[in-house]
Amino acid sequence: MVKKPRSFLSTISVHAFGKLPGMTWISVSSKAIRAVGYDGYTLAVQFRRSGQTYLHPGVPGDVFHDLLNASSKGNFYSKHIRGRYR
């Protein structure tokens, strides 16, 4: 299940990462995050525990790269992405 942050009402069902058109997906080493996808504008984050994928439009490329390089991807997501890009 793909969920956009609360300001968006639509959801997209995705059962395996890599299923959103135009989205490049990367499996990441993280306890919280299974994979991230990015198409140059929208960041998609799939979580391990729930299997849900959240879409965050308007994420700059440098924020995406900082997420990939973060020592704790879950903490980086919480501090720099969640609630900021909707």
N, C-alpha and C. Protein backbone atom coordinates (compact mmCIF):
# COMPACT_ATOMS: atom_id res chain seq x y z
N MET A 1 0.85 -1.17 0.00
CA MET A 1 0.00 0.00 0.00
C MET A 1 0.89 1.23 0.00
N VAL A 2 0.65 2.12 -0.91
CA VAL A 2 1.39 3.37 -0.96
C VAL A 2 0.52 4.46 -0.36
N LYS A 3 1.04 5.20 0.56
CA LYS A 3 0.28 6.28 1.17
C LYS A 3 1.02 7.58 0.97
N LYS A 4 0.28 8.59 0.57
CA LYS A 4 0.83 9.93 0.52
C LYS A 4 0.61 10.53 1.90
N PRO A 5 1.43 11.48 2.29
CA PRO A 5 1.21 12.12 3.58
C PRO A 5 -0.23 12.63 3.70
N ARG A 6 -0.67 12.90 4.89
CA ARG A 6 -2.07 13.18 5.19
C ARG A 6 -2.74 14.22 4.31
N SER A 7 -1.96 15.15 3.75
CA SER A 7 -2.60 16.18 2.93
C SER A 7 -3.09 15.63 1.60
N PHE A 8 -2.65 14.44 1.23
CA PHE A 8 -3.13 13.79 0.01
C PHE A 8 -4.08 12.67 0.41
N LEU A 9 -5.16 12.53 -0.33
CA LEU A 9 -6.15 11.54 0.03
C LEU A 9 -6.03 10.25 -0.78
N SER A 10 -5.37 10.28 -1.92
CA SER A 10 -5.32 9.07 -2.74
C SER A 10 -4.20 8.14 -2.28
N THR A 11 -4.40 6.86 -2.48
CA THR A 11 -3.38 5.87 -2.19
C THR A 11 -3.21 4.98 -3.40
N ILE A 12 -2.04 4.39 -3.52
CA ILE A 12 -1.73 3.49 -4.62
C ILE A 12 -1.28 2.18 -4.01
N SER A 13 -1.81 1.08 -4.49
CA SER A 13 -1.40 -0.21 -3.97
C SER A 13 -0.12 -0.68 -4.66
N VAL A 14 0.90 -0.92 -3.86
CA VAL A 14 2.18 -1.43 -4.37
C VAL A 14 2.59 -2.57 -3.44
N HIS A 15 2.70 -3.76 -3.98
CA HIS A 15 3.04 -4.91 -3.16
C HIS A 15 4.53 -5.20 -3.15
N ALA A 16 5.26 -4.71 -4.12
CA ALA A 16 6.72 -4.88 -4.15
C ALA A 16 7.32 -3.60 -4.68
N PHE A 17 8.45 -3.19 -4.11
CA PHE A 17 9.04 -1.96 -4.59
C PHE A 17 9.46 -2.11 -6.04
N GLY A 18 9.50 -1.00 -6.74
CA GLY A 18 9.86 -1.01 -8.16
C GLY A 18 8.66 -0.99 -9.08
N LYS A 19 7.45 -0.83 -8.53
CA LYS A 19 6.25 -0.91 -9.35
C LYS A 19 5.65 0.44 -9.72
N LEU A 20 6.28 1.54 -9.36
CA LEU A 20 5.76 2.84 -9.75
C LEU A 20 6.47 3.28 -11.02
N PRO A 21 5.74 3.62 -12.08
CA PRO A 21 6.36 3.98 -13.35
C PRO A 21 7.30 5.18 -13.23
N GLY A 22 8.47 5.08 -13.86
CA GLY A 22 9.42 6.18 -13.87
C GLY A 22 10.22 6.34 -12.60
N MET A 23 9.99 5.46 -11.64
CA MET A 23 10.63 5.57 -10.33
C MET A 23 11.84 4.63 -10.30
N THR A 24 12.99 5.17 -9.93
CA THR A 24 14.18 4.35 -9.71
C THR A 24 14.18 3.94 -8.24
N TRP A 25 14.22 2.63 -7.98
CA TRP A 25 14.16 2.12 -6.61
C TRP A 25 15.51 1.59 -6.17
N ILE A 26 15.82 1.82 -4.90
CA ILE A 26 17.06 1.35 -4.32
C ILE A 26 16.74 0.67 -2.99
N SER A 27 17.15 -0.58 -2.87
CA SER A 27 17.03 -1.28 -1.60
C SER A 27 18.10 -0.71 -0.67
N VAL A 28 17.73 -0.38 0.56
CA VAL A 28 18.67 0.26 1.47
C VAL A 28 18.88 -0.60 2.72
N SER A 29 20.04 -0.39 3.34
CA SER A 29 20.37 -1.05 4.59
C SER A 29 19.83 -0.19 5.73
N SER A 30 18.71 -0.63 6.29
CA SER A 30 18.05 0.14 7.34
C SER A 30 17.11 -0.79 8.10
N LYS A 31 17.00 -0.58 9.40
CA LYS A 31 16.04 -1.37 10.19
C LYS A 31 14.61 -0.95 9.90
N ALA A 32 14.41 0.31 9.56
CA ALA A 32 13.06 0.85 9.38
C ALA A 32 12.61 0.89 7.93
N ILE A 33 13.53 1.19 7.01
CA ILE A 33 13.18 1.44 5.61
C ILE A 33 13.68 0.29 4.74
N ARG A 34 12.79 -0.27 3.93
CA ARG A 34 13.15 -1.36 3.02
C ARG A 34 13.78 -0.84 1.74
N ALA A 35 13.16 0.20 1.15
CA ALA A 35 13.63 0.72 -0.13
C ALA A 35 13.16 2.15 -0.30
N VAL A 36 13.88 2.87 -1.14
CA VAL A 36 13.48 4.23 -1.50
C VAL A 36 13.44 4.33 -3.02
N GLY A 37 12.53 5.14 -3.51
CA GLY A 37 12.43 5.38 -4.94
C GLY A 37 12.46 6.88 -5.18
N TYR A 38 12.96 7.26 -6.33
CA TYR A 38 13.04 8.69 -6.64
C TYR A 38 12.97 8.87 -8.15
N ASP A 39 12.16 9.83 -8.58
CA ASP A 39 12.01 10.09 -10.02
C ASP A 39 12.49 11.49 -10.40
N GLY A 40 13.23 12.13 -9.51
CA GLY A 40 13.70 13.49 -9.75
C GLY A 40 12.81 14.54 -9.14
N TYR A 41 11.63 14.15 -8.66
CA TYR A 41 10.70 15.08 -8.02
C TYR A 41 10.06 14.45 -6.78
N THR A 42 9.59 13.22 -6.92
CA THR A 42 8.88 12.55 -5.84
C THR A 42 9.76 11.48 -5.21
N LEU A 43 9.84 11.51 -3.89
CA LEU A 43 10.51 10.47 -3.13
C LEU A 43 9.47 9.50 -2.63
N ALA A 44 9.71 8.21 -2.81
CA ALA A 44 8.85 7.16 -2.26
C ALA A 44 9.68 6.39 -1.24
N VAL A 45 9.10 6.13 -0.08
CA VAL A 45 9.80 5.41 0.97
C VAL A 45 8.93 4.24 1.40
N GLN A 46 9.48 3.03 1.27
CA GLN A 46 8.76 1.82 1.68
C GLN A 46 9.33 1.34 3.01
N PHE A 47 8.45 1.15 3.98
CA PHE A 47 8.86 0.74 5.32
C PHE A 47 8.79 -0.76 5.49
N ARG A 48 9.72 -1.29 6.27
CA ARG A 48 9.82 -2.73 6.49
C ARG A 48 8.62 -3.28 7.28
N ARG A 49 8.35 -2.70 8.41
CA ARG A 49 7.36 -3.26 9.33
C ARG A 49 5.96 -3.30 8.72
N SER A 50 5.52 -2.20 8.18
CA SER A 50 4.15 -2.12 7.65
C SER A 50 4.06 -2.52 6.18
N GLY A 51 5.18 -2.39 5.45
CA GLY A 51 5.15 -2.64 4.02
C GLY A 51 4.57 -1.48 3.23
N GLN A 52 4.15 -0.44 3.92
CA GLN A 52 3.55 0.71 3.26
C GLN A 52 4.60 1.60 2.63
N THR A 53 4.22 2.24 1.53
CA THR A 53 5.09 3.17 0.83
C THR A 53 4.45 4.54 0.85
N TYR A 54 5.20 5.52 1.31
CA TYR A 54 4.72 6.89 1.38
C TYR A 54 5.37 7.72 0.28
N LEU A 55 4.58 8.55 -0.39
CA LEU A 55 5.06 9.41 -1.46
C LEU A 55 5.23 10.83 -0.95
N HIS A 56 6.36 11.43 -1.29
CA HIS A 56 6.68 12.79 -0.87
C HIS A 56 7.09 13.61 -2.09
N PRO A 57 6.15 14.33 -2.71
CA PRO A 57 6.49 15.16 -3.88
C PRO A 57 7.30 16.39 -3.48
N GLY A 58 8.15 16.84 -4.40
CA GLY A 58 8.90 18.07 -4.21
C GLY A 58 10.20 17.92 -3.44
N VAL A 59 10.67 16.69 -3.27
CA VAL A 59 11.92 16.47 -2.55
C VAL A 59 13.10 16.77 -3.49
N PRO A 60 13.98 17.69 -3.09
CA PRO A 60 15.14 18.00 -3.93
C PRO A 60 16.12 16.82 -4.00
N GLY A 61 16.87 16.77 -5.07
CA GLY A 61 17.83 15.69 -5.27
C GLY A 61 18.86 15.60 -4.16
N ASP A 62 19.28 16.73 -3.61
CA ASP A 62 20.29 16.68 -2.55
C ASP A 62 19.74 16.05 -1.27
N VAL A 63 18.46 16.24 -1.00
CA VAL A 63 17.83 15.60 0.16
C VAL A 63 17.76 14.09 -0.05
N PHE A 64 17.43 13.66 -1.27
CA PHE A 64 17.40 12.24 -1.60
C PHE A 64 18.80 11.63 -1.40
N HIS A 65 19.83 12.28 -1.90
CA HIS A 65 21.19 11.77 -1.76
C HIS A 65 21.65 11.77 -0.31
N ASP A 66 21.24 12.78 0.45
CA ASP A 66 21.57 12.81 1.88
C ASP A 66 20.90 11.65 2.61
N LEU A 67 19.67 11.31 2.23
CA LEU A 67 18.99 10.16 2.81
C LEU A 67 19.77 8.88 2.53
N LEU A 68 20.20 8.71 1.28
CA LEU A 68 20.95 7.50 0.93
C LEU A 68 22.26 7.40 1.70
N ASN A 69 22.88 8.53 2.01
CA ASN A 69 24.18 8.53 2.70
C ASN A 69 24.07 8.61 4.22
N ALA A 70 22.86 8.74 4.74
CA ALA A 70 22.68 8.87 6.18
C ALA A 70 23.05 7.57 6.90
N SER A 71 23.67 7.70 8.06
CA SER A 71 24.01 6.51 8.84
C SER A 71 22.75 5.86 9.40
N SER A 72 21.73 6.65 9.71
CA SER A 72 20.43 6.15 10.13
C SER A 72 19.38 6.74 9.20
N LYS A 73 18.94 5.93 8.25
CA LYS A 73 17.97 6.41 7.27
C LYS A 73 16.62 6.71 7.92
N GLY A 74 16.24 5.91 8.91
CA GLY A 74 14.98 6.16 9.61
C GLY A 74 14.99 7.48 10.36
N ASN A 75 16.09 7.78 11.04
CA ASN A 75 16.20 9.06 11.75
C ASN A 75 16.24 10.23 10.77
N PHE A 76 16.98 10.07 9.67
CA PHE A 76 17.03 11.14 8.67
C PHE A 76 15.64 11.40 8.11
N TYR A 77 14.91 10.35 7.79
CA TYR A 77 13.55 10.49 7.27
C TYR A 77 12.68 11.26 8.27
N SER A 78 12.74 10.87 9.53
CA SER A 78 11.92 11.51 10.55
C SER A 78 12.25 12.99 10.73
N LYS A 79 13.53 13.32 10.68
CA LYS A 79 13.96 14.70 10.94
C LYS A 79 13.88 15.62 9.73
N HIS A 80 14.08 15.08 8.52
CA HIS A 80 14.25 15.94 7.36
C HIS A 80 13.21 15.78 6.26
N ILE A 81 12.39 14.72 6.32
CA ILE A 81 11.44 14.48 5.22
C ILE A 81 10.00 14.41 5.71
N ARG A 82 9.72 13.57 6.67
CA ARG A 82 8.34 13.40 7.15
C ARG A 82 7.78 14.74 7.63
N GLY A 83 6.63 15.08 7.11
CA GLY A 83 5.97 16.32 7.49
C GLY A 83 6.43 17.56 6.74
N ARG A 84 7.51 17.46 6.00
CA ARG A 84 8.04 18.62 5.25
C ARG A 84 7.65 18.61 3.78
N TYR A 85 7.55 17.44 3.22
CA TYR A 85 7.22 17.33 1.78
C TYR A 85 5.91 16.56 1.66
N ARG A 86 4.89 17.24 1.12
CA ARG A 86 3.54 16.64 1.02
C ARG A 86 3.01 16.79 -0.37
